[in-house]
Amino acid sequence: MTLMADGPPARNNRMDAPNDRRTDIHSEEFLRSLMRKQLRLSAACAATFLAALLGLPLLNYFFPDLMATRVFGFTLTWFILGVLFFPLVWIISWLFIRKSIALEETEVAEVERQRDGENDE
């Protein structure tokens, strides 16, 4: 014997949708995924900064004649350290913020697309 519900099948809306952890922006899975992507971005920015920070002493050690050349009245070492280093840090920071916001917007848009796909079914 089978029992059948009377009336039309229930529509699946956001309130009735199963709580899929990947499509809930407040879930642990969603936040961990976003944090992993931001960690990769942070590591790339930190590596770039460390390469610049450690690269200058290494350039001085391995290429002393090149680093002693004069550029706008400064040695190349002081020109890189005093003039080019801070804009490099600003650029790294600007790129990090821009890409981090883009990651968040992409993740939220993906979740909304998945939710809309579930609601259409």
PDB file of N, CA and C in Angstrom:
ATOM      1  N   MET A   1       0.831  -1.167   0.000  1.00  0.00           N
ATOM      2  CA  MET A   1       0.000   0.000   0.000  1.00  0.00           C
ATOM      3  C   MET A   1       0.884   1.242   0.000  1.00  0.00           C
ATOM      4  N   THR A   2       0.625   2.179  -0.896  1.00  0.00           N
ATOM      5  CA  THR A   2       1.382   3.417  -0.960  1.00  0.00           C
ATOM      6  C   THR A   2       0.499   4.581  -0.564  1.00  0.00           C
ATOM      7  N   LEU A   3       1.090   5.491   0.149  1.00  0.00           N
ATOM      8  CA  LEU A   3       0.371   6.692   0.554  1.00  0.00           C
ATOM      9  C   LEU A   3       0.855   7.845  -0.309  1.00  0.00           C
ATOM     10  N   MET A   4      -0.070   8.596  -0.842  1.00  0.00           N
ATOM     11  CA  MET A   4       0.287   9.742  -1.666  1.00  0.00           C
ATOM     12  C   MET A   4      -0.272  10.993  -1.012  1.00  0.00           C
ATOM     13  N   ALA A   5       0.497  12.041  -1.056  1.00  0.00           N
ATOM     14  CA  ALA A   5       0.045  13.305  -0.490  1.00  0.00           C
ATOM     15  C   ALA A   5      -0.970  13.945  -1.410  1.00  0.00           C
ATOM     16  N   ASP A   6      -1.959  14.549  -0.823  1.00  0.00           N
ATOM     17  CA  ASP A   6      -2.962  15.253  -1.614  1.00  0.00           C
ATOM     18  C   ASP A   6      -2.444  16.638  -1.991  1.00  0.00           C
ATOM     19  N   GLY A   7      -2.814  17.134  -3.132  1.00  0.00           N
ATOM     20  CA  GLY A   7      -2.461  18.485  -3.553  1.00  0.00           C
ATOM     21  C   GLY A   7      -1.198  18.505  -4.385  1.00  0.00           C
ATOM     22  N   PRO A   8      -0.855  19.702  -4.886  1.00  0.00           N
ATOM     23  CA  PRO A   8       0.330  19.835  -5.746  1.00  0.00           C
ATOM     24  C   PRO A   8       1.607  19.667  -4.932  1.00  0.00           C
ATOM     25  N   PRO A   9       2.687  19.264  -5.613  1.00  0.00           N
ATOM     26  CA  PRO A   9       3.956  19.124  -4.880  1.00  0.00           C
ATOM     27  C   PRO A   9       4.420  20.485  -4.363  1.00  0.00           C
ATOM     28  N   ALA A  10       5.057  20.459  -3.226  1.00  0.00           N
ATOM     29  CA  ALA A  10       5.528  21.711  -2.630  1.00  0.00           C
ATOM     30  C   ALA A  10       6.652  22.303  -3.472  1.00  0.00           C
ATOM     31  N   ARG A  11       6.617  23.631  -3.600  1.00  0.00           N
ATOM     32  CA  ARG A  11       7.680  24.328  -4.344  1.00  0.00           C
ATOM     33  C   ARG A  11       8.892  24.491  -3.439  1.00  0.00           C
ATOM     34  N   ASN A  12      10.027  24.473  -4.043  1.00  0.00           N
ATOM     35  CA  ASN A  12      11.273  24.585  -3.302  1.00  0.00           C
ATOM     36  C   ASN A  12      11.737  26.042  -3.337  1.00  0.00           C
ATOM     37  N   ASN A  13      11.566  26.767  -2.252  1.00  0.00           N
ATOM     38  CA  ASN A  13      12.079  28.132  -2.211  1.00  0.00           C
ATOM     39  C   ASN A  13      13.215  28.206  -1.204  1.00  0.00           C
ATOM     40  N   ARG A  14      13.758  29.407  -0.989  1.00  0.00           N
ATOM     41  CA  ARG A  14      14.930  29.537  -0.116  1.00  0.00           C
ATOM     42  C   ARG A  14      14.658  29.063   1.301  1.00  0.00           C
ATOM     43  N   MET A  15      13.470  29.277   1.768  1.00  0.00           N
ATOM     44  CA  MET A  15      13.146  28.847   3.126  1.00  0.00           C
ATOM     45  C   MET A  15      13.021  27.331   3.207  1.00  0.00           C
ATOM     46  N   ASP A  16      12.565  26.700   2.111  1.00  0.00           N
ATOM     47  CA  ASP A  16      12.377  25.252   2.102  1.00  0.00           C
ATOM     48  C   ASP A  16      13.615  24.496   1.635  1.00  0.00           C
ATOM     49  N   ALA A  17      14.597  25.207   1.072  1.00  0.00           N
ATOM     50  CA  ALA A  17      15.774  24.550   0.493  1.00  0.00           C
ATOM     51  C   ALA A  17      16.566  23.848   1.583  1.00  0.00           C
ATOM     52  N   PRO A  18      17.093  22.686   1.260  1.00  0.00           N
ATOM     53  CA  PRO A  18      17.916  22.007   2.261  1.00  0.00           C
ATOM     54  C   PRO A  18      19.138  22.862   2.589  1.00  0.00           C
ATOM     55  N   ASN A  19      19.582  22.794   3.800  1.00  0.00           N
ATOM     56  CA  ASN A  19      20.697  23.617   4.244  1.00  0.00           C
ATOM     57  C   ASN A  19      22.007  23.015   3.750  1.00  0.00           C
ATOM     58  N   ASP A  20      22.346  23.310   2.511  1.00  0.00           N
ATOM     59  CA  ASP A  20      23.599  22.839   1.922  1.00  0.00           C
ATOM     60  C   ASP A  20      24.723  23.726   2.445  1.00  0.00           C
ATOM     61  N   ARG A  21      25.694  23.101   3.055  1.00  0.00           N
ATOM     62  CA  ARG A  21      26.767  23.870   3.686  1.00  0.00           C
ATOM     63  C   ARG A  21      27.553  24.711   2.692  1.00  0.00           C
ATOM     64  N   ARG A  22      27.674  24.278   1.453  1.00  0.00           N
ATOM     65  CA  ARG A  22      28.449  25.025   0.466  1.00  0.00           C
ATOM     66  C   ARG A  22      27.695  26.256  -0.037  1.00  0.00           C
ATOM     67  N   THR A  23      26.364  26.226   0.035  1.00  0.00           N
ATOM     68  CA  THR A  23      25.592  27.357  -0.466  1.00  0.00           C
ATOM     69  C   THR A  23      25.140  28.294   0.640  1.00  0.00           C
ATOM     70  N   ASP A  24      25.563  28.072   1.865  1.00  0.00           N
ATOM     71  CA  ASP A  24      25.238  28.953   2.979  1.00  0.00           C
ATOM     72  C   ASP A  24      26.477  29.781   3.289  1.00  0.00           C
ATOM     73  N   ILE A  25      26.392  31.105   3.066  1.00  0.00           N
ATOM     74  CA  ILE A  25      27.583  31.943   3.247  1.00  0.00           C
ATOM     75  C   ILE A  25      28.007  32.075   4.704  1.00  0.00           C
ATOM     76  N   HIS A  26      27.191  31.597   5.625  1.00  0.00           N
ATOM     77  CA  HIS A  26      27.552  31.650   7.039  1.00  0.00           C
ATOM     78  C   HIS A  26      28.045  30.296   7.547  1.00  0.00           C
ATOM     79  N   SER A  27      28.163  29.328   6.659  1.00  0.00           N
ATOM     80  CA  SER A  27      28.585  27.995   7.092  1.00  0.00           C
ATOM     81  C   SER A  27      30.097  27.933   7.257  1.00  0.00           C
ATOM     82  N   GLU A  28      30.519  26.971   8.038  1.00  0.00           N
ATOM     83  CA  GLU A  28      31.949  26.766   8.262  1.00  0.00           C
ATOM     84  C   GLU A  28      32.663  26.396   6.965  1.00  0.00           C
ATOM     85  N   GLU A  29      32.032  25.564   6.149  1.00  0.00           N
ATOM     86  CA  GLU A  29      32.662  25.122   4.904  1.00  0.00           C
ATOM     87  C   GLU A  29      32.910  26.287   3.959  1.00  0.00           C
ATOM     88  N   PHE A  30      31.918  27.154   3.821  1.00  0.00           N
ATOM     89  CA  PHE A  30      32.067  28.327   2.954  1.00  0.00           C
ATOM     90  C   PHE A  30      33.183  29.224   3.462  1.00  0.00           C
ATOM     91  N   LEU A  31      33.179  29.510   4.766  1.00  0.00           N
ATOM     92  CA  LEU A  31      34.192  30.399   5.328  1.00  0.00           C
ATOM     93  C   LEU A  31      35.587  29.789   5.243  1.00  0.00           C
ATOM     94  N   ARG A  32      35.696  28.493   5.467  1.00  0.00           N
ATOM     95  CA  ARG A  32      37.013  27.842   5.348  1.00  0.00           C
ATOM     96  C   ARG A  32      37.534  27.911   3.916  1.00  0.00           C
ATOM     97  N   SER A  33      36.654  27.704   2.963  1.00  0.00           N
ATOM     98  CA  SER A  33      37.051  27.775   1.555  1.00  0.00           C
ATOM     99  C   SER A  33      37.555  29.179   1.210  1.00  0.00           C
ATOM    100  N   LEU A  34      36.819  30.179   1.637  1.00  0.00           N
ATOM    101  CA  LEU A  34      37.218  31.564   1.372  1.00  0.00           C
ATOM    102  C   LEU A  34      38.528  31.893   2.087  1.00  0.00           C
ATOM    103  N   MET A  35      38.661  31.433   3.316  1.00  0.00           N
ATOM    104  CA  MET A  35      39.878  31.706   4.073  1.00  0.00           C
ATOM    105  C   MET A  35      41.094  31.008   3.456  1.00  0.00           C
ATOM    106  N   ARG A  36      40.905  29.798   2.902  1.00  0.00           N
ATOM    107  CA  ARG A  36      42.011  29.112   2.227  1.00  0.00           C
ATOM    108  C   ARG A  36      42.480  29.898   1.017  1.00  0.00           C
ATOM    109  N   LYS A  37      41.526  30.410   0.242  1.00  0.00           N
ATOM    110  CA  LYS A  37      41.890  31.194  -0.941  1.00  0.00           C
ATOM    111  C   LYS A  37      42.591  32.488  -0.540  1.00  0.00           C
ATOM    112  N   GLN A  38      42.112  33.128   0.520  1.00  0.00           N
ATOM    113  CA  GLN A  38      42.762  34.346   0.983  1.00  0.00           C
ATOM    114  C   GLN A  38      44.127  34.056   1.592  1.00  0.00           C
ATOM    115  N   LEU A  39      44.293  32.887   2.186  1.00  0.00           N
ATOM    116  CA  LEU A  39      45.609  32.503   2.719  1.00  0.00           C
ATOM    117  C   LEU A  39      46.610  32.341   1.583  1.00  0.00           C
ATOM    118  N   ARG A  40      46.177  31.713   0.486  1.00  0.00           N
ATOM    119  CA  ARG A  40      47.066  31.585  -0.678  1.00  0.00           C
ATOM    120  C   ARG A  40      47.461  32.956  -1.210  1.00  0.00           C
ATOM    121  N   LEU A  41      46.502  33.873  -1.275  1.00  0.00           N
ATOM    122  CA  LEU A  41      46.781  35.227  -1.725  1.00  0.00           C
ATOM    123  C   LEU A  41      47.752  35.921  -0.768  1.00  0.00           C
ATOM    124  N   SER A  42      47.525  35.756   0.529  1.00  0.00           N
ATOM    125  CA  SER A  42      48.417  36.347   1.531  1.00  0.00           C
ATOM    126  C   SER A  42      49.832  35.801   1.408  1.00  0.00           C
ATOM    127  N   ALA A  43      49.947  34.504   1.199  1.00  0.00           N
ATOM    128  CA  ALA A  43      51.270  33.888   1.054  1.00  0.00           C
ATOM    129  C   ALA A  43      51.992  34.418  -0.181  1.00  0.00           C
ATOM    130  N   ALA A  44      51.259  34.604  -1.271  1.00  0.00           N
ATOM    131  CA  ALA A  44      51.881  35.141  -2.492  1.00  0.00           C
ATOM    132  C   ALA A  44      52.358  36.573  -2.271  1.00  0.00           C
ATOM    133  N   CYS A  45      51.544  37.389  -1.596  1.00  0.00           N
ATOM    134  CA  CYS A  45      51.950  38.772  -1.313  1.00  0.00           C
ATOM    135  C   CYS A  45      53.140  38.809  -0.355  1.00  0.00           C
ATOM    136  N   ALA A  46      53.118  37.958   0.659  1.00  0.00           N
ATOM    137  CA  ALA A  46      54.231  37.903   1.613  1.00  0.00           C
ATOM    138  C   ALA A  46      55.511  37.437   0.930  1.00  0.00           C
ATOM    139  N   ALA A  47      55.403  36.466   0.033  1.00  0.00           N
ATOM    140  CA  ALA A  47      56.587  35.985  -0.691  1.00  0.00           C
ATOM    141  C   ALA A  47      57.175  37.086  -1.566  1.00  0.00           C
ATOM    142  N   THR A  48      56.319  37.861  -2.206  1.00  0.00           N
ATOM    143  CA  THR A  48      56.793  38.978  -3.033  1.00  0.00           C
ATOM    144  C   THR A  48      57.513  40.005  -2.172  1.00  0.00           C
ATOM    145  N   PHE A  49      56.919  40.329  -1.024  1.00  0.00           N
ATOM    146  CA  PHE A  49      57.543  41.282  -0.109  1.00  0.00           C
ATOM    147  C   PHE A  49      58.884  40.767   0.399  1.00  0.00           C
ATOM    148  N   LEU A  50      58.922  39.495   0.807  1.00  0.00           N
ATOM    149  CA  LEU A  50      60.178  38.921   1.309  1.00  0.00           C
ATOM    150  C   LEU A  50      61.249  38.847   0.232  1.00  0.00           C
ATOM    151  N   ALA A  51      60.840  38.577  -1.002  1.00  0.00           N
ATOM    152  CA  ALA A  51      61.809  38.556  -2.104  1.00  0.00           C
ATOM    153  C   ALA A  51      62.439  39.928  -2.275  1.00  0.00           C
ATOM    154  N   ALA A  52      61.624  40.970  -2.185  1.00  0.00           N
ATOM    155  CA  ALA A  52      62.168  42.329  -2.301  1.00  0.00           C
ATOM    156  C   ALA A  52      63.031  42.678  -1.092  1.00  0.00           C
ATOM    157  N   LEU A  53      62.572  42.305   0.090  1.00  0.00           N
ATOM    158  CA  LEU A  53      63.292  42.634   1.319  1.00  0.00           C
ATOM    159  C   LEU A  53      64.633  41.908   1.408  1.00  0.00           C
ATOM    160  N   LEU A  54      64.634  40.620   1.070  1.00  0.00           N
ATOM    161  CA  LEU A  54      65.877  39.849   1.147  1.00  0.00           C
ATOM    162  C   LEU A  54      66.711  39.967  -0.122  1.00  0.00           C
ATOM    163  N   GLY A  55      66.069  40.373  -1.201  1.00  0.00           N
ATOM    164  CA  GLY A  55      66.780  40.488  -2.470  1.00  0.00           C
ATOM    165  C   GLY A  55      67.795  41.615  -2.483  1.00  0.00           C
ATOM    166  N   LEU A  56      67.486  42.712  -1.820  1.00  0.00           N
ATOM    167  CA  LEU A  56      68.402  43.857  -1.822  1.00  0.00           C
ATOM    168  C   LEU A  56      69.747  43.524  -1.183  1.00  0.00           C
ATOM    169  N   PRO A  57      69.796  42.935   0.005  1.00  0.00           N
ATOM    170  CA  PRO A  57      71.111  42.553   0.552  1.00  0.00           C
ATOM    171  C   PRO A  57      71.834  41.515  -0.314  1.00  0.00           C
ATOM    172  N   LEU A  58      71.068  40.592  -0.910  1.00  0.00           N
ATOM    173  CA  LEU A  58      71.700  39.599  -1.778  1.00  0.00           C
ATOM    174  C   LEU A  58      72.275  40.243  -3.033  1.00  0.00           C
ATOM    175  N   LEU A  59      71.549  41.213  -3.594  1.00  0.00           N
ATOM    176  CA  LEU A  59      72.092  41.942  -4.748  1.00  0.00           C
ATOM    177  C   LEU A  59      73.363  42.697  -4.366  1.00  0.00           C
ATOM    178  N   ASN A  60      73.374  43.308  -3.183  1.00  0.00           N
ATOM    179  CA  ASN A  60      74.576  43.998  -2.717  1.00  0.00           C
ATOM    180  C   ASN A  60      75.743  43.037  -2.543  1.00  0.00           C
ATOM    181  N   TYR A  61      75.467  41.837  -2.076  1.00  0.00           N
ATOM    182  CA  TYR A  61      76.520  40.857  -1.831  1.00  0.00           C
ATOM    183  C   TYR A  61      77.075  40.279  -3.136  1.00  0.00           C
ATOM    184  N   PHE A  62      76.170  39.884  -4.044  1.00  0.00           N
ATOM    185  CA  PHE A  62      76.609  39.215  -5.266  1.00  0.00           C
ATOM    186  C   PHE A  62      76.982  40.170  -6.397  1.00  0.00           C
ATOM    187  N   PHE A  63      76.440  41.375  -6.395  1.00  0.00           N
ATOM    188  CA  PHE A  63      76.713  42.342  -7.470  1.00  0.00           C
ATOM    189  C   PHE A  63      77.078  43.709  -6.888  1.00  0.00           C
ATOM    190  N   PRO A  64      78.182  43.795  -6.156  1.00  0.00           N
ATOM    191  CA  PRO A  64      78.514  45.062  -5.494  1.00  0.00           C
ATOM    192  C   PRO A  64      78.805  46.196  -6.484  1.00  0.00           C
ATOM    193  N   ASP A  65      79.411  45.874  -7.608  1.00  0.00           N
ATOM    194  CA  ASP A  65      79.723  46.935  -8.581  1.00  0.00           C
ATOM    195  C   ASP A  65      78.445  47.511  -9.197  1.00  0.00           C
ATOM    196  N   LEU A  66      77.517  46.648  -9.528  1.00  0.00           N
ATOM    197  CA  LEU A  66      76.248  47.111 -10.087  1.00  0.00           C
ATOM    198  C   LEU A  66      75.489  47.968  -9.077  1.00  0.00           C
ATOM    199  N   MET A  67      75.443  47.538  -7.839  1.00  0.00           N
ATOM    200  CA  MET A  67      74.678  48.253  -6.824  1.00  0.00           C
ATOM    201  C   MET A  67      75.350  49.554  -6.398  1.00  0.00           C
ATOM    202  N   ALA A  68      76.629  49.714  -6.734  1.00  0.00           N
ATOM    203  CA  ALA A  68      77.342  50.953  -6.410  1.00  0.00           C
ATOM    204  C   ALA A  68      77.205  52.004  -7.515  1.00  0.00           C
ATOM    205  N   THR A  69      76.597  51.652  -8.634  1.00  0.00           N
ATOM    206  CA  THR A  69      76.437  52.635  -9.708  1.00  0.00           C
ATOM    207  C   THR A  69      75.493  53.742  -9.258  1.00  0.00           C
ATOM    208  N   ARG A  70      75.709  54.930  -9.805  1.00  0.00           N
ATOM    209  CA  ARG A  70      74.920  56.103  -9.417  1.00  0.00           C
ATOM    210  C   ARG A  70      73.677  56.241 -10.275  1.00  0.00           C
ATOM    211  N   VAL A  71      72.543  56.465  -9.605  1.00  0.00           N
ATOM    212  CA  VAL A  71      71.268  56.709 -10.267  1.00  0.00           C
ATOM    213  C   VAL A  71      70.657  57.947  -9.614  1.00  0.00           C
ATOM    214  N   PHE A  72      70.505  59.017 -10.370  1.00  0.00           N
ATOM    215  CA  PHE A  72      69.952  60.279  -9.858  1.00  0.00           C
ATOM    216  C   PHE A  72      70.687  60.752  -8.609  1.00  0.00           C
ATOM    217  N   GLY A  73      71.990  60.574  -8.563  1.00  0.00           N
ATOM    218  CA  GLY A  73      72.802  61.034  -7.440  1.00  0.00           C
ATOM    219  C   GLY A  73      72.891  60.058  -6.268  1.00  0.00           C
ATOM    220  N   PHE A  74      72.178  58.963  -6.321  1.00  0.00           N
ATOM    221  CA  PHE A  74      72.227  57.952  -5.265  1.00  0.00           C
ATOM    222  C   PHE A  74      72.885  56.699  -5.814  1.00  0.00           C
ATOM    223  N   THR A  75      73.413  55.868  -4.911  1.00  0.00           N
ATOM    224  CA  THR A  75      73.822  54.548  -5.379  1.00  0.00           C
ATOM    225  C   THR A  75      72.539  53.761  -5.659  1.00  0.00           C
ATOM    226  N   LEU A  76      72.655  52.764  -6.501  1.00  0.00           N
ATOM    227  CA  LEU A  76      71.474  51.982  -6.856  1.00  0.00           C
ATOM    228  C   LEU A  76      70.833  51.355  -5.618  1.00  0.00           C
ATOM    229  N   THR A  77      71.653  50.939  -4.654  1.00  0.00           N
ATOM    230  CA  THR A  77      71.132  50.370  -3.411  1.00  0.00           C
ATOM    231  C   THR A  77      70.213  51.364  -2.704  1.00  0.00           C
ATOM    232  N   TRP A  78      70.698  52.579  -2.508  1.00  0.00           N
ATOM    233  CA  TRP A  78      69.893  53.574  -1.805  1.00  0.00           C
ATOM    234  C   TRP A  78      68.699  54.026  -2.633  1.00  0.00           C
ATOM    235  N   PHE A  79      68.841  54.037  -3.944  1.00  0.00           N
ATOM    236  CA  PHE A  79      67.709  54.405  -4.796  1.00  0.00           C
ATOM    237  C   PHE A  79      66.583  53.371  -4.659  1.00  0.00           C
ATOM    238  N   ILE A  80      66.951  52.093  -4.692  1.00  0.00           N
ATOM    239  CA  ILE A  80      65.940  51.036  -4.533  1.00  0.00           C
ATOM    240  C   ILE A  80      65.319  51.104  -3.137  1.00  0.00           C
ATOM    241  N   LEU A  81      66.170  51.235  -2.110  1.00  0.00           N
ATOM    242  CA  LEU A  81      65.684  51.236  -0.736  1.00  0.00           C
ATOM    243  C   LEU A  81      64.874  52.493  -0.413  1.00  0.00           C
ATOM    244  N   GLY A  82      65.367  53.645  -0.832  1.00  0.00           N
ATOM    245  CA  GLY A  82      64.730  54.903  -0.442  1.00  0.00           C
ATOM    246  C   GLY A  82      63.600  55.359  -1.343  1.00  0.00           C
ATOM    247  N   VAL A  83      63.649  54.987  -2.613  1.00  0.00           N
ATOM    248  CA  VAL A  83      62.655  55.503  -3.555  1.00  0.00           C
ATOM    249  C   VAL A  83      61.695  54.412  -4.041  1.00  0.00           C
ATOM    250  N   LEU A  84      62.191  53.257  -4.385  1.00  0.00           N
ATOM    251  CA  LEU A  84      61.353  52.238  -5.009  1.00  0.00           C
ATOM    252  C   LEU A  84      60.698  51.267  -4.034  1.00  0.00           C
ATOM    253  N   PHE A  85      61.244  51.133  -2.834  1.00  0.00           N
ATOM    254  CA  PHE A  85      60.740  50.122  -1.915  1.00  0.00           C
ATOM    255  C   PHE A  85      59.322  50.425  -1.438  1.00  0.00           C
ATOM    256  N   PHE A  86      59.049  51.661  -1.033  1.00  0.00           N
ATOM    257  CA  PHE A  86      57.719  51.993  -0.506  1.00  0.00           C
ATOM    258  C   PHE A  86      56.628  51.912  -1.568  1.00  0.00           C
ATOM    259  N   PRO A  87      56.854  52.404  -2.778  1.00  0.00           N
ATOM    260  CA  PRO A  87      55.820  52.182  -3.804  1.00  0.00           C
ATOM    261  C   PRO A  87      55.568  50.692  -4.071  1.00  0.00           C
ATOM    262  N   LEU A  88      56.609  49.870  -3.984  1.00  0.00           N
ATOM    263  CA  LEU A  88      56.423  48.431  -4.153  1.00  0.00           C
ATOM    264  C   LEU A  88      55.506  47.869  -3.072  1.00  0.00           C
ATOM    265  N   VAL A  89      55.718  48.289  -1.828  1.00  0.00           N
ATOM    266  CA  VAL A  89      54.874  47.832  -0.723  1.00  0.00           C
ATOM    267  C   VAL A  89      53.440  48.316  -0.919  1.00  0.00           C
ATOM    268  N   TRP A  90      53.255  49.545  -1.366  1.00  0.00           N
ATOM    269  CA  TRP A  90      51.901  50.065  -1.618  1.00  0.00           C
ATOM    270  C   TRP A  90      51.219  49.262  -2.720  1.00  0.00           C
ATOM    271  N   ILE A  91      51.951  48.935  -3.754  1.00  0.00           N
ATOM    272  CA  ILE A  91      51.378  48.162  -4.871  1.00  0.00           C
ATOM    273  C   ILE A  91      50.971  46.767  -4.393  1.00  0.00           C
ATOM    274  N   ILE A  92      51.835  46.130  -3.614  1.00  0.00           N
ATOM    275  CA  ILE A  92      51.504  44.806  -3.069  1.00  0.00           C
ATOM    276  C   ILE A  92      50.243  44.898  -2.214  1.00  0.00           C
ATOM    277  N   SER A  93      50.155  45.911  -1.362  1.00  0.00           N
ATOM    278  CA  SER A  93      48.982  46.087  -0.499  1.00  0.00           C
ATOM    279  C   SER A  93      47.727  46.337  -1.316  1.00  0.00           C
ATOM    280  N   TRP A  94      47.822  47.197  -2.311  1.00  0.00           N
ATOM    281  CA  TRP A  94      46.673  47.520  -3.163  1.00  0.00           C
ATOM    282  C   TRP A  94      46.184  46.275  -3.901  1.00  0.00           C
ATOM    283  N   LEU A  95      47.127  45.497  -4.456  1.00  0.00           N
ATOM    284  CA  LEU A  95      46.743  44.268  -5.155  1.00  0.00           C
ATOM    285  C   LEU A  95      46.101  43.258  -4.206  1.00  0.00           C
ATOM    286  N   PHE A  96      46.647  43.148  -2.989  1.00  0.00           N
ATOM    287  CA  PHE A  96      46.074  42.220  -2.019  1.00  0.00           C
ATOM    288  C   PHE A  96      44.627  42.586  -1.698  1.00  0.00           C
ATOM    289  N   ILE A  97      44.385  43.857  -1.411  1.00  0.00           N
ATOM    290  CA  ILE A  97      43.030  44.294  -1.055  1.00  0.00           C
ATOM    291  C   ILE A  97      42.083  44.087  -2.224  1.00  0.00           C
ATOM    292  N   ARG A  98      42.513  44.487  -3.414  1.00  0.00           N
ATOM    293  CA  ARG A  98      41.661  44.350  -4.602  1.00  0.00           C
ATOM    294  C   ARG A  98      41.311  42.893  -4.880  1.00  0.00           C
ATOM    295  N   LYS A  99      42.316  42.020  -4.831  1.00  0.00           N
ATOM    296  CA  LYS A  99      42.070  40.602  -5.121  1.00  0.00           C
ATOM    297  C   LYS A  99      41.293  39.920  -4.000  1.00  0.00           C
ATOM    298  N   SER A 100      41.505  40.329  -2.764  1.00  0.00           N
ATOM    299  CA  SER A 100      40.764  39.754  -1.646  1.00  0.00           C
ATOM    300  C   SER A 100      39.277  40.094  -1.757  1.00  0.00           C
ATOM    301  N   ILE A 101      38.972  41.327  -2.080  1.00  0.00           N
ATOM    302  CA  ILE A 101      37.568  41.720  -2.272  1.00  0.00           C
ATOM    303  C   ILE A 101      36.970  40.969  -3.453  1.00  0.00           C
ATOM    304  N   ALA A 102      37.740  40.814  -4.530  1.00  0.00           N
ATOM    305  CA  ALA A 102      37.249  40.074  -5.698  1.00  0.00           C
ATOM    306  C   ALA A 102      36.974  38.615  -5.341  1.00  0.00           C
ATOM    307  N   LEU A 103      37.814  38.006  -4.505  1.00  0.00           N
ATOM    308  CA  LEU A 103      37.574  36.626  -4.061  1.00  0.00           C
ATOM    309  C   LEU A 103      36.256  36.520  -3.305  1.00  0.00           C
ATOM    310  N   GLU A 104      36.031  37.462  -2.393  1.00  0.00           N
ATOM    311  CA  GLU A 104      34.793  37.436  -1.613  1.00  0.00           C
ATOM    312  C   GLU A 104      33.575  37.598  -2.522  1.00  0.00           C
ATOM    313  N   GLU A 105      33.645  38.549  -3.448  1.00  0.00           N
ATOM    314  CA  GLU A 105      32.510  38.778  -4.347  1.00  0.00           C
ATOM    315  C   GLU A 105      32.254  37.571  -5.242  1.00  0.00           C
ATOM    316  N   THR A 106      33.316  36.930  -5.711  1.00  0.00           N
ATOM    317  CA  THR A 106      33.175  35.749  -6.556  1.00  0.00           C
ATOM    318  C   THR A 106      32.521  34.609  -5.780  1.00  0.00           C
ATOM    319  N   GLU A 107      32.966  34.385  -4.552  1.00  0.00           N
ATOM    320  CA  GLU A 107      32.397  33.313  -3.735  1.00  0.00           C
ATOM    321  C   GLU A 107      30.917  33.554  -3.465  1.00  0.00           C
ATOM    322  N   VAL A 108      30.566  34.787  -3.108  1.00  0.00           N
ATOM    323  CA  VAL A 108      29.164  35.089  -2.821  1.00  0.00           C
ATOM    324  C   VAL A 108      28.322  34.935  -4.086  1.00  0.00           C
ATOM    325  N   ALA A 109      28.835  35.393  -5.226  1.00  0.00           N
ATOM    326  CA  ALA A 109      28.094  35.261  -6.488  1.00  0.00           C
ATOM    327  C   ALA A 109      27.887  33.788  -6.836  1.00  0.00           C
ATOM    328  N   GLU A 110      28.890  32.959  -6.591  1.00  0.00           N
ATOM    329  CA  GLU A 110      28.772  31.523  -6.871  1.00  0.00           C
ATOM    330  C   GLU A 110      27.700  30.886  -5.990  1.00  0.00           C
ATOM    331  N   VAL A 111      27.679  31.257  -4.729  1.00  0.00           N
ATOM    332  CA  VAL A 111      26.673  30.725  -3.808  1.00  0.00           C
ATOM    333  C   VAL A 111      25.280  31.166  -4.238  1.00  0.00           C
ATOM    334  N   GLU A 112      25.140  32.420  -4.622  1.00  0.00           N
ATOM    335  CA  GLU A 112      23.830  32.907  -5.063  1.00  0.00           C
ATOM    336  C   GLU A 112      23.379  32.201  -6.339  1.00  0.00           C
ATOM    337  N   ARG A 113      24.325  31.949  -7.238  1.00  0.00           N
ATOM    338  CA  ARG A 113      23.993  31.214  -8.472  1.00  0.00           C
ATOM    339  C   ARG A 113      23.520  29.800  -8.143  1.00  0.00           C
ATOM    340  N   GLN A 114      24.202  29.144  -7.202  1.00  0.00           N
ATOM    341  CA  GLN A 114      23.808  27.790  -6.802  1.00  0.00           C
ATOM    342  C   GLN A 114      22.438  27.793  -6.143  1.00  0.00           C
ATOM    343  N   ARG A 115      22.182  28.794  -5.330  1.00  0.00           N
ATOM    344  CA  ARG A 115      20.872  28.901  -4.680  1.00  0.00           C
ATOM    345  C   ARG A 115      19.774  29.117  -5.711  1.00  0.00           C
ATOM    346  N   ASP A 116      20.038  30.005  -6.668  1.00  0.00           N
ATOM    347  CA  ASP A 116      19.044  30.260  -7.718  1.00  0.00           C
ATOM    348  C   ASP A 116      18.807  29.016  -8.551  1.00  0.00           C
ATOM    349  N   GLY A 117      19.856  28.241  -8.809  1.00  0.00           N
ATOM    350  CA  GLY A 117      19.718  26.984  -9.549  1.00  0.00           C
ATOM    351  C   GLY A 117      18.869  25.990  -8.794  1.00  0.00           C
ATOM    352  N   GLU A 118      19.025  25.937  -7.464  1.00  0.00           N
ATOM    353  CA  GLU A 118      18.215  25.043  -6.639  1.00  0.00           C
ATOM    354  C   GLU A 118      16.759  25.487  -6.630  1.00  0.00           C
ATOM    355  N   ASN A 119      16.545  26.800  -6.628  1.00  0.00           N
ATOM    356  CA  ASN A 119      15.167  27.321  -6.586  1.00  0.00           C
ATOM    357  C   ASN A 119      14.439  27.098  -7.892  1.00  0.00           C
ATOM    358  N   ASP A 120      15.169  27.038  -9.013  1.00  0.00           N
ATOM    359  CA  ASP A 120      14.545  26.836 -10.308  1.00  0.00           C
ATOM    360  C   ASP A 120      14.083  25.397 -10.498  1.00  0.00           C
ATOM    361  N   GLU A 121      14.705  24.480  -9.766  1.00  0.00           N
ATOM    362  CA  GLU A 121      14.375  23.058  -9.945  1.00  0.00           C
ATOM    363  C   GLU A 121      13.056  22.680  -9.387  1.00  0.00           C
TER     364      GLU A 121
END
